[in-house]
Amino acid sequence: MHIISIVLSFILLTLNLKYIKEITSRIDEVNKTHLSSSEKGLTHKKKSAMSGSSSIDMINQTDSRETTLETGGDAQQEDVILDWSELTIYDKWSLFSGWSLIMIIGNVVTLISSVFLLVSTRTSQRDGERMLGIAGFCILVSLMKYWETAKCYNIILNTMINSASVFIKATIGSFPIFIGFALLGICLFIENDRYSSFSMGLYHLFSLMNGDLVFVSFFEFKEVNYLMSQLYLYIYLFVSV
């Protein structure tokens, strides 16, 4: 089974790397095609101008074309020509599919974990199983790229992509409030096991945020400090909603 996994992962990894190579080679082909077409068009315009104009007009037209080429022509050409070394990381990332990167990571981890499981002993197999689980997760998640063009099945994927930036900004903006309530809860209810440590306080607040342990929290914390527990829990629940 591990040998089959190694073979399949190697094939998939090769195909993904081939895809990346094809993208970079297409950029070079576009550059060469654009340069050759631009040179042919400029040569054709010069020949047509020379055949139907006098020597003085020809000189003036040549000078004007050279001036246009030096000012506006170069700017237009620079907008079209893509130099791989001059592209930013964001531009390079935009040329590829993010799912391919996830697939490559999954294939690499699958190769490493499969080899590790083949040569490992019983006591160290658990580490290989963890890596294999991570690899399987990456590969299965990357299969969602096939739902991007399926109108009936891309609802959740589009929702996640479109709301990702808003969700991250909202989470970062509310993070200080979350930490503040955790520290306040430790100071007020440290006698309770739910706030015995900072991590336990975060667990409890996250559970309250998702609607869990609400009644239990009101019931337990009123034994420690009734008034402060009511204010603390009501204010946090209103804020988290």
C-alpha atoms as a PDB file:
ATOM      1  CA  MET A   1       0.000   0.000   0.000  1.00  0.00           C
ATOM      2  CA  HIS A   2       2.791   2.435   0.876  1.00  0.00           C
ATOM      3  CA  ILE A   3       4.605   1.637  -2.378  1.00  0.00           C
ATOM      4  CA  ILE A   4       1.444   2.392  -4.374  1.00  0.00           C
ATOM      5  CA  SER A   5       1.070   5.632  -2.434  1.00  0.00           C
ATOM      6  CA  ILE A   6       4.650   6.603  -3.284  1.00  0.00           C
ATOM      7  CA  VAL A   7       4.156   5.893  -6.995  1.00  0.00           C
ATOM      8  CA  LEU A   8       0.879   7.815  -7.245  1.00  0.00           C
ATOM      9  CA  SER A   9       2.271  10.767  -5.268  1.00  0.00           C
ATOM     10  CA  PHE A  10       5.313  10.918  -7.519  1.00  0.00           C
ATOM     11  CA  ILE A  11       3.104  10.937 -10.638  1.00  0.00           C
ATOM     12  CA  LEU A  12       0.867  13.703  -9.270  1.00  0.00           C
ATOM     13  CA  LEU A  13       3.868  15.745  -8.158  1.00  0.00           C
ATOM     14  CA  THR A  14       5.386  15.457 -11.637  1.00  0.00           C
ATOM     15  CA  LEU A  15       2.150  16.601 -13.284  1.00  0.00           C
ATOM     16  CA  ASN A  16       1.860  19.627 -11.010  1.00  0.00           C
ATOM     17  CA  LEU A  17       5.460  20.655 -11.623  1.00  0.00           C
ATOM     18  CA  LYS A  18       4.871  20.219 -15.354  1.00  0.00           C
ATOM     19  CA  TYR A  19       1.872  22.548 -15.060  1.00  0.00           C
ATOM     20  CA  ILE A  20       4.019  25.235 -13.406  1.00  0.00           C
ATOM     21  CA  LYS A  21       6.687  24.858 -16.094  1.00  0.00           C
ATOM     22  CA  GLU A  22       4.090  25.234 -18.850  1.00  0.00           C
ATOM     23  CA  ILE A  23       2.826  28.481 -17.322  1.00  0.00           C
ATOM     24  CA  THR A  24       6.314  30.000 -17.235  1.00  0.00           C
ATOM     25  CA  SER A  25       7.070  28.823 -20.786  1.00  0.00           C
ATOM     26  CA  ARG A  26       3.852  30.405 -22.064  1.00  0.00           C
ATOM     27  CA  ILE A  27       5.000  33.768 -20.723  1.00  0.00           C
ATOM     28  CA  ASP A  28       8.150  33.522 -22.815  1.00  0.00           C
ATOM     29  CA  GLU A  29       6.120  32.529 -25.883  1.00  0.00           C
ATOM     30  CA  VAL A  30       3.807  35.522 -25.436  1.00  0.00           C
ATOM     31  CA  ASN A  31       6.797  37.842 -25.150  1.00  0.00           C
ATOM     32  CA  LYS A  32       8.429  36.466 -28.310  1.00  0.00           C
ATOM     33  CA  THR A  33       5.169  36.609 -30.277  1.00  0.00           C
ATOM     34  CA  HIS A  34       4.484  40.184 -29.204  1.00  0.00           C
ATOM     35  CA  LEU A  35       7.997  41.360 -30.032  1.00  0.00           C
ATOM     36  CA  SER A  36       7.984  39.741 -33.461  1.00  0.00           C
ATOM     37  CA  SER A  37       4.547  41.162 -34.322  1.00  0.00           C
ATOM     38  CA  SER A  38       5.587  44.633 -33.162  1.00  0.00           C
ATOM     39  CA  GLU A  39       8.737  44.563 -35.287  1.00  0.00           C
ATOM     40  CA  LYS A  40       6.822  43.360 -38.345  1.00  0.00           C
ATOM     41  CA  GLY A  41       4.182  46.052 -37.928  1.00  0.00           C
ATOM     42  CA  LEU A  42       6.794  48.777 -37.578  1.00  0.00           C
ATOM     43  CA  THR A  43       8.676  47.564 -40.688  1.00  0.00           C
ATOM     44  CA  HIS A  44       5.462  47.430 -42.730  1.00  0.00           C
ATOM     45  CA  LYS A  45       4.516  50.993 -41.731  1.00  0.00           C
ATOM     46  CA  LYS A  46       7.954  52.276 -42.697  1.00  0.00           C
ATOM     47  CA  LYS A  47       7.788  50.613 -46.133  1.00  0.00           C
ATOM     48  CA  SER A  48       4.327  52.007 -46.858  1.00  0.00           C
ATOM     49  CA  ALA A  49       5.396  55.481 -45.803  1.00  0.00           C
ATOM     50  CA  MET A  50       8.520  55.361 -47.978  1.00  0.00           C
ATOM     51  CA  SER A  51       6.584  54.333 -51.082  1.00  0.00           C
ATOM     52  CA  GLY A  52       3.992  57.138 -50.974  1.00  0.00           C
ATOM     53  CA  SER A  53       5.852  60.142 -49.551  1.00  0.00           C
ATOM     54  CA  SER A  54       8.624  62.485 -50.515  1.00  0.00           C
ATOM     55  CA  SER A  55      12.003  62.435 -48.862  1.00  0.00           C
ATOM     56  CA  ILE A  56      11.176  65.365 -46.551  1.00  0.00           C
ATOM     57  CA  ASP A  57       7.830  63.874 -45.508  1.00  0.00           C
ATOM     58  CA  MET A  58       9.492  60.534 -45.035  1.00  0.00           C
ATOM     59  CA  ILE A  59      12.063  62.023 -42.670  1.00  0.00           C
ATOM     60  CA  ASN A  60       9.360  63.846 -40.690  1.00  0.00           C
ATOM     61  CA  GLN A  61       7.236  60.710 -40.413  1.00  0.00           C
ATOM     62  CA  THR A  62      10.216  58.652 -39.344  1.00  0.00           C
ATOM     63  CA  ASP A  63      11.128  61.188 -36.644  1.00  0.00           C
ATOM     64  CA  SER A  64       7.540  61.331 -35.360  1.00  0.00           C
ATOM     65  CA  ARG A  65       7.310  57.548 -35.221  1.00  0.00           C
ATOM     66  CA  GLU A  66      10.586  57.325 -33.349  1.00  0.00           C
ATOM     67  CA  THR A  67       9.375  59.958 -30.867  1.00  0.00           C
ATOM     68  CA  THR A  68       6.077  58.120 -30.400  1.00  0.00           C
ATOM     69  CA  LEU A  69       7.928  54.837 -29.954  1.00  0.00           C
ATOM     70  CA  GLU A  70      10.244  56.358 -27.378  1.00  0.00           C
ATOM     71  CA  THR A  71       7.377  57.879 -25.351  1.00  0.00           C
ATOM     72  CA  GLY A  72       4.054  56.121 -25.737  1.00  0.00           C
ATOM     73  CA  GLY A  73       5.103  53.068 -27.706  1.00  0.00           C
ATOM     74  CA  ASP A  74       7.516  51.829 -25.086  1.00  0.00           C
ATOM     75  CA  ALA A  75       4.923  52.293 -22.352  1.00  0.00           C
ATOM     76  CA  GLN A  76       2.393  50.239 -24.258  1.00  0.00           C
ATOM     77  CA  GLN A  77       4.959  47.568 -24.976  1.00  0.00           C
ATOM     78  CA  GLU A  78       5.988  47.412 -21.329  1.00  0.00           C
ATOM     79  CA  ASP A  79       2.363  46.883 -20.336  1.00  0.00           C
ATOM     80  CA  VAL A  80       2.137  43.786 -22.522  1.00  0.00           C
ATOM     81  CA  ILE A  81       5.567  42.199 -22.196  1.00  0.00           C
ATOM     82  CA  LEU A  82       6.000  40.116 -19.063  1.00  0.00           C
ATOM     83  CA  ASP A  83       9.474  39.705 -17.650  1.00  0.00           C
ATOM     84  CA  TRP A  84       9.459  36.866 -15.118  1.00  0.00           C
ATOM     85  CA  SER A  85      12.305  38.360 -13.090  1.00  0.00           C
ATOM     86  CA  GLU A  86      10.491  41.702 -12.764  1.00  0.00           C
ATOM     87  CA  LEU A  87       7.149  40.265 -11.643  1.00  0.00           C
ATOM     88  CA  THR A  88       6.203  40.636  -7.993  1.00  0.00           C
ATOM     89  CA  ILE A  89       5.403  37.664  -5.802  1.00  0.00           C
ATOM     90  CA  TYR A  90       1.697  38.533  -5.975  1.00  0.00           C
ATOM     91  CA  ASP A  91       1.794  38.619  -9.790  1.00  0.00           C
ATOM     92  CA  LYS A  92       3.568  35.274  -9.932  1.00  0.00           C
ATOM     93  CA  TRP A  93       1.060  33.792  -7.495  1.00  0.00           C
ATOM     94  CA  SER A  94      -1.825  35.092  -9.644  1.00  0.00           C
ATOM     95  CA  LEU A  95      -0.536  33.124 -12.632  1.00  0.00           C
ATOM     96  CA  PHE A  96      -0.916  29.815 -10.816  1.00  0.00           C
ATOM     97  CA  SER A  97      -3.751  28.129  -9.021  1.00  0.00           C
ATOM     98  CA  GLY A  98      -3.448  28.037  -5.239  1.00  0.00           C
ATOM     99  CA  TRP A  99      -4.893  24.555  -5.294  1.00  0.00           C
ATOM    100  CA  SER A 100      -1.790  23.360  -7.156  1.00  0.00           C
ATOM    101  CA  LEU A 101       0.432  24.506  -4.285  1.00  0.00           C
ATOM    102  CA  ILE A 102      -1.741  22.637  -1.779  1.00  0.00           C
ATOM    103  CA  MET A 103      -1.589  19.558  -4.012  1.00  0.00           C
ATOM    104  CA  ILE A 104       2.208  19.773  -4.253  1.00  0.00           C
ATOM    105  CA  ILE A 105       2.532  20.043  -0.458  1.00  0.00           C
ATOM    106  CA  GLY A 106       0.233  17.056  -0.040  1.00  0.00           C
ATOM    107  CA  ASN A 107       2.211  14.976  -2.542  1.00  0.00           C
ATOM    108  CA  VAL A 108       5.563  15.827  -0.968  1.00  0.00           C
ATOM    109  CA  VAL A 109       4.317  15.003   2.531  1.00  0.00           C
ATOM    110  CA  THR A 110       2.774  11.768   1.217  1.00  0.00           C
ATOM    111  CA  LEU A 111       6.118  10.710  -0.257  1.00  0.00           C
ATOM    112  CA  ILE A 112       7.966  11.502   2.961  1.00  0.00           C
ATOM    113  CA  SER A 113       5.410   9.834   5.224  1.00  0.00           C
ATOM    114  CA  SER A 114       5.132   6.706   3.053  1.00  0.00           C
ATOM    115  CA  VAL A 115       8.907   6.249   2.980  1.00  0.00           C
ATOM    116  CA  PHE A 116       9.029   6.902   6.714  1.00  0.00           C
ATOM    117  CA  LEU A 117       6.364   4.262   7.383  1.00  0.00           C
ATOM    118  CA  LEU A 118       8.225   1.715   5.233  1.00  0.00           C
ATOM    119  CA  VAL A 119      11.495   2.050   7.137  1.00  0.00           C
ATOM    120  CA  SER A 120      10.205   2.957  10.607  1.00  0.00           C
ATOM    121  CA  THR A 121       9.697   0.727  13.579  1.00  0.00           C
ATOM    122  CA  ARG A 122       6.477   0.176  15.515  1.00  0.00           C
ATOM    123  CA  THR A 123       7.342   2.814  18.086  1.00  0.00           C
ATOM    124  CA  SER A 124       7.910   5.555  15.487  1.00  0.00           C
ATOM    125  CA  GLN A 125       5.031   4.751  13.123  1.00  0.00           C
ATOM    126  CA  ARG A 126       2.761   7.208  14.887  1.00  0.00           C
ATOM    127  CA  ASP A 127       4.749  10.158  13.488  1.00  0.00           C
ATOM    128  CA  GLY A 128       4.412   8.810   9.958  1.00  0.00           C
ATOM    129  CA  GLU A 129       0.672   8.361  10.445  1.00  0.00           C
ATOM    130  CA  ARG A 130       0.343  11.999  11.523  1.00  0.00           C
ATOM    131  CA  MET A 131       2.217  13.176   8.443  1.00  0.00           C
ATOM    132  CA  LEU A 132       0.090  10.911   6.252  1.00  0.00           C
ATOM    133  CA  GLY A 133      -3.047  12.442   7.765  1.00  0.00           C
ATOM    134  CA  ILE A 134      -1.805  15.955   6.937  1.00  0.00           C
ATOM    135  CA  ALA A 135      -1.008  14.843   3.385  1.00  0.00           C
ATOM    136  CA  GLY A 136      -4.436  13.299   2.920  1.00  0.00           C
ATOM    137  CA  PHE A 137      -6.077  16.481   4.194  1.00  0.00           C
ATOM    138  CA  CYS A 138      -4.143  18.655   1.703  1.00  0.00           C
ATOM    139  CA  ILE A 139      -4.917  16.384  -1.234  1.00  0.00           C
ATOM    140  CA  LEU A 140      -8.621  16.106  -0.443  1.00  0.00           C
ATOM    141  CA  VAL A 141      -8.976  19.856   0.112  1.00  0.00           C
ATOM    142  CA  SER A 142      -7.238  20.557  -3.215  1.00  0.00           C
ATOM    143  CA  LEU A 143      -9.951  18.535  -4.985  1.00  0.00           C
ATOM    144  CA  MET A 144     -12.282  21.477  -4.354  1.00  0.00           C
ATOM    145  CA  LYS A 145     -10.721  23.188  -7.377  1.00  0.00           C
ATOM    146  CA  TYR A 146     -12.919  20.972  -9.565  1.00  0.00           C
ATOM    147  CA  TRP A 147     -16.026  22.584  -8.006  1.00  0.00           C
ATOM    148  CA  GLU A 148     -15.010  26.106  -9.075  1.00  0.00           C
ATOM    149  CA  THR A 149     -16.692  25.771 -12.464  1.00  0.00           C
ATOM    150  CA  ALA A 150     -19.632  23.661 -11.241  1.00  0.00           C
ATOM    151  CA  LYS A 151     -22.478  26.091 -10.623  1.00  0.00           C
ATOM    152  CA  CYS A 152     -24.466  23.714  -8.426  1.00  0.00           C
ATOM    153  CA  TYR A 153     -21.602  22.780  -6.100  1.00  0.00           C
ATOM    154  CA  ASN A 154     -19.465  25.924  -5.784  1.00  0.00           C
ATOM    155  CA  ILE A 155     -21.754  27.826  -3.383  1.00  0.00           C
ATOM    156  CA  ILE A 156     -19.803  27.072  -0.208  1.00  0.00           C
ATOM    157  CA  LEU A 157     -16.456  27.495  -1.948  1.00  0.00           C
ATOM    158  CA  ASN A 158     -17.392  30.915  -3.347  1.00  0.00           C
ATOM    159  CA  THR A 159     -18.798  31.951   0.029  1.00  0.00           C
ATOM    160  CA  MET A 160     -15.564  31.002   1.776  1.00  0.00           C
ATOM    161  CA  ILE A 161     -13.411  32.805  -0.791  1.00  0.00           C
ATOM    162  CA  ASN A 162     -15.501  35.986  -0.871  1.00  0.00           C
ATOM    163  CA  SER A 163     -15.890  36.229   2.905  1.00  0.00           C
ATOM    164  CA  ALA A 164     -12.329  35.228   3.842  1.00  0.00           C
ATOM    165  CA  SER A 165     -10.935  38.773   3.903  1.00  0.00           C
ATOM    166  CA  VAL A 166     -13.904  40.146   5.857  1.00  0.00           C
ATOM    167  CA  PHE A 167     -13.737  37.271   8.345  1.00  0.00           C
ATOM    168  CA  ILE A 168      -9.997  37.713   8.920  1.00  0.00           C
ATOM    169  CA  LYS A 169     -10.370  41.479   9.437  1.00  0.00           C
ATOM    170  CA  ALA A 170     -13.268  40.987  11.867  1.00  0.00           C
ATOM    171  CA  THR A 171     -11.332  38.337  13.790  1.00  0.00           C
ATOM    172  CA  ILE A 172      -8.231  40.503  14.101  1.00  0.00           C
ATOM    173  CA  GLY A 173     -10.353  43.496  15.128  1.00  0.00           C
ATOM    174  CA  SER A 174     -12.159  41.560  17.873  1.00  0.00           C
ATOM    175  CA  PHE A 175      -9.074  39.725  19.132  1.00  0.00           C
ATOM    176  CA  PRO A 176      -8.154  42.334  21.818  1.00  0.00           C
ATOM    177  CA  ILE A 177     -11.702  42.163  23.217  1.00  0.00           C
ATOM    178  CA  PHE A 178     -11.512  38.366  23.323  1.00  0.00           C
ATOM    179  CA  ILE A 179      -8.191  38.420  25.180  1.00  0.00           C
ATOM    180  CA  GLY A 180      -9.475  41.136  27.527  1.00  0.00           C
ATOM    181  CA  PHE A 181     -12.520  39.088  28.534  1.00  0.00           C
ATOM    182  CA  ALA A 182     -10.292  36.057  29.126  1.00  0.00           C
ATOM    183  CA  LEU A 183      -7.990  37.988  31.471  1.00  0.00           C
ATOM    184  CA  LEU A 184     -10.961  39.569  33.255  1.00  0.00           C
ATOM    185  CA  GLY A 185     -12.600  36.175  33.698  1.00  0.00           C
ATOM    186  CA  ILE A 186      -9.436  34.778  35.281  1.00  0.00           C
ATOM    187  CA  CYS A 187      -9.330  37.652  37.757  1.00  0.00           C
ATOM    188  CA  LEU A 188     -13.023  37.333  38.667  1.00  0.00           C
ATOM    189  CA  PHE A 189     -13.632  33.574  38.589  1.00  0.00           C
ATOM    190  CA  ILE A 190     -10.251  31.937  39.159  1.00  0.00           C
ATOM    191  CA  GLU A 191     -11.886  29.753  41.820  1.00  0.00           C
ATOM    192  CA  ASN A 192     -13.812  28.014  39.043  1.00  0.00           C
ATOM    193  CA  ASP A 193     -12.056  25.356  36.972  1.00  0.00           C
ATOM    194  CA  ARG A 194     -13.184  26.966  33.735  1.00  0.00           C
ATOM    195  CA  TYR A 195     -10.859  29.911  34.443  1.00  0.00           C
ATOM    196  CA  SER A 196      -8.077  28.050  36.195  1.00  0.00           C
ATOM    197  CA  SER A 197      -5.635  29.083  33.425  1.00  0.00           C
ATOM    198  CA  PHE A 198      -5.467  31.422  30.472  1.00  0.00           C
ATOM    199  CA  SER A 199      -5.991  28.638  27.937  1.00  0.00           C
ATOM    200  CA  MET A 200      -8.991  27.311  29.871  1.00  0.00           C
ATOM    201  CA  GLY A 201     -10.480  30.813  29.849  1.00  0.00           C
ATOM    202  CA  LEU A 202     -10.092  30.989  26.066  1.00  0.00           C
ATOM    203  CA  TYR A 203     -11.751  27.581  25.692  1.00  0.00           C
ATOM    204  CA  HIS A 204     -14.694  28.715  27.779  1.00  0.00           C
ATOM    205  CA  LEU A 205     -15.165  32.000  25.925  1.00  0.00           C
ATOM    206  CA  PHE A 206     -15.005  30.245  22.553  1.00  0.00           C
ATOM    207  CA  SER A 207     -17.664  27.799  23.744  1.00  0.00           C
ATOM    208  CA  LEU A 208     -19.894  30.663  24.868  1.00  0.00           C
ATOM    209  CA  MET A 209     -19.401  32.358  21.507  1.00  0.00           C
ATOM    210  CA  ASN A 210     -20.798  29.275  19.774  1.00  0.00           C
ATOM    211  CA  GLY A 211     -23.764  28.985  22.154  1.00  0.00           C
ATOM    212  CA  ASP A 212     -22.398  26.198  24.315  1.00  0.00           C
ATOM    213  CA  LEU A 213     -22.232  26.091  28.161  1.00  0.00           C
ATOM    214  CA  VAL A 214     -24.391  29.208  28.508  1.00  0.00           C
ATOM    215  CA  PHE A 215     -26.750  27.900  31.190  1.00  0.00           C
ATOM    216  CA  VAL A 216     -23.966  26.021  32.965  1.00  0.00           C
ATOM    217  CA  SER A 217     -21.807  29.156  33.104  1.00  0.00           C
ATOM    218  CA  PHE A 218     -24.599  31.266  34.614  1.00  0.00           C
ATOM    219  CA  PHE A 219     -25.328  28.542  37.139  1.00  0.00           C
ATOM    220  CA  GLU A 220     -21.708  27.967  38.203  1.00  0.00           C
ATOM    221  CA  PHE A 221     -20.405  31.553  38.252  1.00  0.00           C
ATOM    222  CA  LYS A 222     -23.224  32.899  40.384  1.00  0.00           C
ATOM    223  CA  GLU A 223     -21.823  30.825  43.229  1.00  0.00           C
ATOM    224  CA  VAL A 224     -18.542  32.768  42.990  1.00  0.00           C
ATOM    225  CA  ASN A 225     -19.884  36.299  42.507  1.00  0.00           C
ATOM    226  CA  TYR A 226     -23.511  36.712  41.505  1.00  0.00           C
ATOM    227  CA  LEU A 227     -23.511  40.369  40.398  1.00  0.00           C
ATOM    228  CA  MET A 228     -20.176  40.286  38.554  1.00  0.00           C
ATOM    229  CA  SER A 229     -20.994  36.987  36.873  1.00  0.00           C
ATOM    230  CA  GLN A 230     -24.295  38.360  35.536  1.00  0.00           C
ATOM    231  CA  LEU A 231     -22.665  41.501  34.169  1.00  0.00           C
ATOM    232  CA  TYR A 232     -19.687  39.598  32.750  1.00  0.00           C
ATOM    233  CA  LEU A 233     -21.691  36.918  30.966  1.00  0.00           C
ATOM    234  CA  TYR A 234     -24.442  39.192  29.636  1.00  0.00           C
ATOM    235  CA  ILE A 235     -21.994  41.767  28.292  1.00  0.00           C
ATOM    236  CA  TYR A 236     -19.802  39.128  26.649  1.00  0.00           C
ATOM    237  CA  LEU A 237     -22.761  37.345  25.075  1.00  0.00           C
ATOM    238  CA  PHE A 238     -24.132  40.613  23.650  1.00  0.00           C
ATOM    239  CA  VAL A 239     -20.690  41.556  22.298  1.00  0.00           C
ATOM    240  CA  SER A 240     -19.986  38.132  20.799  1.00  0.00           C
ATOM    241  CA  VAL A 241     -23.348  38.021  19.058  1.00  0.00           C
END
